Protein backbone atom coordinates (compact mmCIF):
# COMPACT_ATOMS: atom_id res chain seq x y z
CA MET A 1 -33.81 131.85 -61.37
CA SER A 2 -32.67 132.87 -57.97
CA SER A 3 -32.80 129.66 -55.97
CA ARG A 4 -30.24 126.88 -55.71
CA TRP A 5 -33.31 124.61 -55.31
CA THR A 6 -34.83 125.54 -58.71
CA HIS A 7 -33.37 123.41 -61.51
CA LEU A 8 -33.58 123.30 -65.28
CA VAL A 9 -34.24 119.81 -66.65
CA CYS A 10 -34.26 118.43 -70.19
CA VAL A 11 -37.26 116.50 -71.54
CA ALA A 12 -35.42 113.15 -71.42
CA CYS A 13 -34.50 113.57 -67.74
CA TRP A 14 -38.02 114.78 -66.88
CA GLU A 15 -39.41 111.61 -68.47
CA ASP A 16 -36.86 109.47 -66.60
CA LEU A 17 -37.83 111.12 -63.32
CA HIS A 18 -41.61 111.18 -63.80
CA GLY A 19 -42.50 108.83 -66.65
CA ASP A 20 -46.01 109.42 -67.91
CA SER A 21 -47.33 110.36 -64.48
CA LYS A 22 -46.83 114.12 -64.86
CA THR A 23 -46.98 116.49 -67.82
CA PRO A 24 -44.43 119.27 -67.37
CA VAL A 25 -45.29 122.94 -67.69
CA SER A 26 -42.55 124.78 -69.54
CA LEU A 27 -41.60 128.38 -70.21
CA LYS A 28 -42.37 129.63 -73.69
CA ASP A 29 -39.28 130.71 -75.68
CA ALA A 30 -36.94 129.44 -72.98
CA GLU A 31 -33.25 130.30 -73.18
CA GLU A 32 -30.67 127.57 -73.63
CA GLY A 33 -29.08 126.16 -70.49
CA ASN A 34 -27.67 122.94 -69.11
CA CYS A 35 -29.85 120.27 -67.56
CA CYS A 36 -29.14 120.08 -63.83
CA VAL A 37 -29.62 116.30 -63.92
CA CYS A 38 -27.48 115.17 -66.89
CA GLY A 39 -25.57 118.33 -67.87
CA GLU A 40 -26.71 118.32 -71.51
CA SER A 41 -27.72 121.53 -73.26
CA THR A 42 -31.50 122.12 -73.33
CA THR A 43 -34.12 124.68 -74.24
CA SER A 44 -36.93 122.70 -72.59
CA GLY A 45 -37.98 125.51 -70.25
CA ILE A 46 -38.90 122.89 -67.65
CA TYR A 47 -37.90 123.72 -64.08
CA PHE A 48 -38.39 121.76 -60.87
CA ARG A 49 -37.38 122.09 -57.24
CA GLN A 50 -35.09 119.62 -55.51
CA LYS A 51 -32.34 119.61 -52.91
CA PRO A 52 -29.26 120.89 -54.82
CA GLU A 53 -26.80 118.39 -53.36
CA THR A 54 -28.72 115.49 -54.93
CA LEU A 55 -28.13 116.65 -58.52
CA LEU A 56 -25.19 116.97 -60.91
CA CYS A 57 -25.30 120.79 -60.72
CA THR A 58 -25.21 120.87 -56.88
CA GLY A 59 -26.92 124.25 -57.22
CA GLN A 60 -23.71 125.79 -58.61
CA LEU A 61 -23.74 125.39 -62.40
CA GLY A 62 -25.75 126.71 -65.35
CA ILE A 63 -28.77 128.71 -64.29
CA HIS A 64 -27.38 129.05 -60.79
CA GLU A 65 -24.34 131.05 -61.99
CA GLU A 66 -26.63 133.91 -63.04
CA THR A 67 -27.49 134.66 -59.41
CA LYS A 68 -23.99 134.94 -57.95
């Protein structure tokens, strides 16, 4: 992922953010990374876009390190 605005999220955080209102689309055979919301390890393959400064990762941790 090349954007600070694209974030990996675990299933639990996705459900907290969206409840039953949205079904996530996830990458098949996703690599392990840390959820940008809670910091826990996940292989959910679910990504979403949000302003980096509003999340735990601040667009700097986990998947964001790969693009530096």
